[in-house]
Amino acid sequence: MEMGYLSILYFGWWSTTKSWALMNDPKIILADEPTGNLDTKTGKDVFNLLTLLSREFKRTIIMVTHNPELAAATDRAIHIRDGPR
């Protein structure tokens, strides 16, 4: 979706359809459990792609995950527990 000069890509799970959105050259990528339903190898491939997009192409990645190993491999992690009180 376009927000002025800012392109945002959202994908919940990895699929061919989602890869089409990368063609729009998004500046921010929202990834909701991008590796949640994938086998270990494919999950690593998706995470490596997100890492490449962040480091080499200067894209901002906002990722939600329940995987502590994946969270630990990011440059920055924010942990949310129990929601608002």
N, C-alpha and C. Protein backbone atom coordinates (compact mmCIF):
# COMPACT_ATOMS: atom_id res chain seq x y z
N MET A 1 0.84 -1.16 0.00
CA MET A 1 0.00 0.00 0.00
C MET A 1 0.89 1.23 0.00
N GLU A 2 0.45 2.29 -0.59
CA GLU A 2 1.22 3.52 -0.68
C GLU A 2 0.76 4.51 0.37
N MET A 3 1.70 5.13 1.05
CA MET A 3 1.40 6.20 2.00
C MET A 3 2.32 7.36 1.64
N GLY A 4 1.92 8.17 0.65
CA GLY A 4 2.78 9.25 0.19
C GLY A 4 4.04 8.67 -0.41
N TYR A 5 5.19 9.08 0.12
CA TYR A 5 6.46 8.59 -0.40
C TYR A 5 6.85 7.25 0.21
N LEU A 6 6.05 6.77 1.16
CA LEU A 6 6.42 5.58 1.93
C LEU A 6 5.67 4.35 1.43
N SER A 7 6.39 3.37 0.99
CA SER A 7 5.78 2.10 0.61
C SER A 7 5.88 1.16 1.79
N ILE A 8 4.82 0.43 2.05
CA ILE A 8 4.81 -0.53 3.14
C ILE A 8 4.41 -1.88 2.58
N LEU A 9 5.14 -2.91 2.95
CA LEU A 9 4.82 -4.28 2.56
C LEU A 9 4.45 -5.05 3.82
N TYR A 10 3.35 -5.76 3.75
CA TYR A 10 2.94 -6.60 4.86
C TYR A 10 2.82 -8.02 4.33
N PHE A 11 3.45 -8.99 5.00
CA PHE A 11 3.18 -10.38 4.66
C PHE A 11 3.19 -11.21 5.92
N GLY A 12 2.21 -12.09 6.01
CA GLY A 12 2.06 -12.91 7.19
C GLY A 12 2.79 -14.23 7.04
N TRP A 13 2.71 -14.86 5.90
CA TRP A 13 3.44 -16.10 5.66
C TRP A 13 4.06 -16.02 4.28
N TRP A 14 5.10 -16.78 4.08
CA TRP A 14 5.84 -16.70 2.83
C TRP A 14 5.09 -17.42 1.72
N SER A 15 4.93 -16.78 0.61
CA SER A 15 4.30 -17.38 -0.56
C SER A 15 4.71 -16.60 -1.79
N THR A 16 4.45 -17.16 -2.95
CA THR A 16 4.77 -16.47 -4.20
C THR A 16 4.03 -15.15 -4.28
N THR A 17 2.80 -15.14 -3.84
CA THR A 17 2.01 -13.91 -3.87
C THR A 17 2.69 -12.80 -3.09
N LYS A 18 3.22 -13.13 -1.95
CA LYS A 18 3.87 -12.11 -1.12
C LYS A 18 5.13 -11.58 -1.79
N SER A 19 5.82 -12.41 -2.51
CA SER A 19 7.05 -11.95 -3.15
C SER A 19 6.77 -10.89 -4.22
N TRP A 20 5.57 -10.89 -4.78
CA TRP A 20 5.20 -9.85 -5.75
C TRP A 20 5.27 -8.47 -5.10
N ALA A 21 4.90 -8.39 -3.83
CA ALA A 21 4.90 -7.11 -3.14
C ALA A 21 6.30 -6.51 -3.04
N LEU A 22 7.34 -7.34 -3.04
CA LEU A 22 8.70 -6.84 -2.98
C LEU A 22 9.06 -6.04 -4.23
N MET A 23 8.36 -6.28 -5.31
CA MET A 23 8.62 -5.56 -6.56
C MET A 23 8.26 -4.08 -6.43
N ASN A 24 7.44 -3.72 -5.43
CA ASN A 24 7.06 -2.33 -5.21
C ASN A 24 8.14 -1.55 -4.47
N ASP A 25 9.25 -2.21 -4.13
CA ASP A 25 10.37 -1.59 -3.45
C ASP A 25 9.95 -0.91 -2.14
N PRO A 26 9.34 -1.67 -1.21
CA PRO A 26 8.86 -1.07 0.03
C PRO A 26 10.00 -0.59 0.91
N LYS A 27 9.78 0.48 1.63
CA LYS A 27 10.77 1.01 2.57
C LYS A 27 10.62 0.36 3.94
N ILE A 28 9.39 -0.04 4.27
CA ILE A 28 9.10 -0.71 5.54
C ILE A 28 8.43 -2.04 5.22
N ILE A 29 8.88 -3.10 5.87
CA ILE A 29 8.30 -4.43 5.68
C ILE A 29 7.77 -4.90 7.03
N LEU A 30 6.45 -5.14 7.10
CA LEU A 30 5.83 -5.68 8.30
C LEU A 30 5.69 -7.18 8.12
N ALA A 31 6.34 -7.95 8.96
CA ALA A 31 6.35 -9.40 8.82
C ALA A 31 5.74 -10.04 10.06
N ASP A 32 4.54 -10.56 9.93
CA ASP A 32 3.82 -11.20 11.04
C ASP A 32 4.05 -12.70 10.97
N GLU A 33 4.89 -13.21 11.86
CA GLU A 33 5.25 -14.63 11.90
C GLU A 33 5.67 -15.14 10.51
N PRO A 34 6.67 -14.51 9.89
CA PRO A 34 7.05 -14.89 8.53
C PRO A 34 7.58 -16.31 8.40
N THR A 35 8.03 -16.90 9.51
CA THR A 35 8.58 -18.26 9.45
C THR A 35 7.71 -19.26 10.21
N GLY A 36 6.57 -18.83 10.70
CA GLY A 36 5.74 -19.64 11.59
C GLY A 36 5.30 -20.99 11.05
N ASN A 37 4.94 -21.08 9.80
CA ASN A 37 4.42 -22.33 9.23
C ASN A 37 5.42 -22.99 8.28
N LEU A 38 6.68 -22.65 8.43
CA LEU A 38 7.68 -23.15 7.48
C LEU A 38 8.59 -24.18 8.15
N ASP A 39 9.16 -25.05 7.33
CA ASP A 39 10.18 -25.96 7.84
C ASP A 39 11.43 -25.14 8.17
N THR A 40 12.35 -25.73 8.90
CA THR A 40 13.52 -25.02 9.40
C THR A 40 14.34 -24.38 8.29
N LYS A 41 14.62 -25.11 7.22
CA LYS A 41 15.45 -24.58 6.13
C LYS A 41 14.77 -23.40 5.45
N THR A 42 13.50 -23.54 5.11
CA THR A 42 12.79 -22.45 4.44
C THR A 42 12.65 -21.25 5.36
N GLY A 43 12.42 -21.49 6.64
CA GLY A 43 12.36 -20.41 7.61
C GLY A 43 13.65 -19.62 7.67
N LYS A 44 14.78 -20.33 7.65
CA LYS A 44 16.08 -19.65 7.63
C LYS A 44 16.27 -18.85 6.36
N ASP A 45 15.81 -19.40 5.23
CA ASP A 45 15.90 -18.68 3.96
C ASP A 45 15.11 -17.37 4.00
N VAL A 46 13.90 -17.43 4.55
CA VAL A 46 13.07 -16.23 4.66
C VAL A 46 13.73 -15.22 5.59
N PHE A 47 14.23 -15.69 6.74
CA PHE A 47 14.91 -14.78 7.66
C PHE A 47 16.14 -14.16 7.01
N ASN A 48 16.90 -14.96 6.27
CA ASN A 48 18.07 -14.43 5.57
C ASN A 48 17.68 -13.38 4.53
N LEU A 49 16.56 -13.58 3.86
CA LEU A 49 16.07 -12.59 2.90
C LEU A 49 15.72 -11.29 3.62
N LEU A 50 15.01 -11.38 4.73
CA LEU A 50 14.68 -10.18 5.50
C LEU A 50 15.94 -9.47 5.99
N THR A 51 16.92 -10.24 6.43
CA THR A 51 18.19 -9.66 6.88
C THR A 51 18.89 -8.95 5.72
N LEU A 52 18.91 -9.57 4.56
CA LEU A 52 19.50 -8.96 3.37
C LEU A 52 18.80 -7.66 3.02
N LEU A 53 17.47 -7.67 3.03
CA LEU A 53 16.71 -6.47 2.71
C LEU A 53 17.03 -5.35 3.70
N SER A 54 17.21 -5.70 4.95
CA SER A 54 17.52 -4.70 5.98
C SER A 54 18.94 -4.15 5.82
N ARG A 55 19.89 -5.02 5.74
CA ARG A 55 21.29 -4.58 5.77
C ARG A 55 21.80 -4.04 4.44
N GLU A 56 21.47 -4.71 3.36
CA GLU A 56 22.01 -4.32 2.06
C GLU A 56 21.15 -3.29 1.33
N PHE A 57 19.83 -3.37 1.53
CA PHE A 57 18.93 -2.48 0.81
C PHE A 57 18.29 -1.43 1.71
N LYS A 58 18.76 -1.38 2.97
CA LYS A 58 18.35 -0.35 3.93
C LYS A 58 16.84 -0.28 4.13
N ARG A 59 16.20 -1.45 4.22
CA ARG A 59 14.77 -1.53 4.48
C ARG A 59 14.55 -1.72 5.97
N THR A 60 13.49 -1.14 6.48
CA THR A 60 13.11 -1.33 7.88
C THR A 60 12.22 -2.55 7.96
N ILE A 61 12.57 -3.49 8.81
CA ILE A 61 11.80 -4.71 9.00
C ILE A 61 11.19 -4.67 10.39
N ILE A 62 9.87 -4.79 10.46
CA ILE A 62 9.18 -4.92 11.74
C ILE A 62 8.58 -6.32 11.73
N MET A 63 9.11 -7.17 12.60
CA MET A 63 8.73 -8.59 12.57
C MET A 63 8.15 -9.01 13.91
N VAL A 64 7.06 -9.74 13.86
CA VAL A 64 6.47 -10.36 15.05
C VAL A 64 6.80 -11.84 15.00
N THR A 65 7.31 -12.37 16.11
CA THR A 65 7.63 -13.79 16.15
C THR A 65 7.48 -14.32 17.56
N HIS A 66 7.16 -15.60 17.67
CA HIS A 66 7.16 -16.29 18.95
C HIS A 66 8.43 -17.13 19.10
N ASN A 67 9.31 -17.05 18.12
CA ASN A 67 10.53 -17.83 18.09
C ASN A 67 11.67 -17.05 18.77
N PRO A 68 12.09 -17.44 19.99
CA PRO A 68 13.13 -16.70 20.70
C PRO A 68 14.49 -16.72 19.98
N GLU A 69 14.79 -17.79 19.26
CA GLU A 69 16.05 -17.85 18.51
C GLU A 69 16.06 -16.82 17.38
N LEU A 70 14.94 -16.70 16.70
CA LEU A 70 14.81 -15.72 15.62
C LEU A 70 14.93 -14.31 16.18
N ALA A 71 14.23 -14.04 17.28
CA ALA A 71 14.29 -12.71 17.90
C ALA A 71 15.72 -12.38 18.33
N ALA A 72 16.43 -13.36 18.86
CA ALA A 72 17.80 -13.14 19.31
C ALA A 72 18.75 -12.83 18.16
N ALA A 73 18.41 -13.24 16.96
CA ALA A 73 19.27 -13.03 15.80
C ALA A 73 19.05 -11.67 15.14
N THR A 74 18.14 -10.85 15.67
CA THR A 74 17.86 -9.54 15.09
C THR A 74 18.77 -8.48 15.71
N ASP A 75 18.81 -7.32 15.08
CA ASP A 75 19.62 -6.22 15.60
C ASP A 75 18.98 -5.59 16.83
N ARG A 76 17.65 -5.65 16.91
CA ARG A 76 16.93 -5.06 18.04
C ARG A 76 15.66 -5.85 18.27
N ALA A 77 15.34 -6.14 19.53
CA ALA A 77 14.13 -6.86 19.86
C ALA A 77 13.38 -6.12 20.97
N ILE A 78 12.08 -6.04 20.81
CA ILE A 78 11.21 -5.48 21.83
C ILE A 78 10.28 -6.60 22.26
N HIS A 79 10.28 -6.92 23.55
CA HIS A 79 9.47 -8.01 24.06
C HIS A 79 8.19 -7.45 24.69
N ILE A 80 7.07 -7.98 24.27
CA ILE A 80 5.78 -7.56 24.82
C ILE A 80 5.17 -8.76 25.53
N ARG A 81 4.77 -8.55 26.78
CA ARG A 81 4.20 -9.64 27.57
C ARG A 81 2.91 -9.18 28.22
N ASP A 82 1.88 -9.98 28.13
CA ASP A 82 0.62 -9.78 28.83
C ASP A 82 -0.21 -8.58 28.36
N GLY A 83 0.21 -7.84 27.38
CA GLY A 83 -0.59 -6.73 26.86
C GLY A 83 -0.82 -5.62 27.86
N PRO A 84 -1.73 -4.67 27.54
CA PRO A 84 -1.98 -3.54 28.43
C PRO A 84 -2.72 -3.97 29.69
N ARG A 85 -2.55 -3.25 30.73
CA ARG A 85 -3.21 -3.55 32.01
C ARG A 85 -4.25 -2.53 32.32
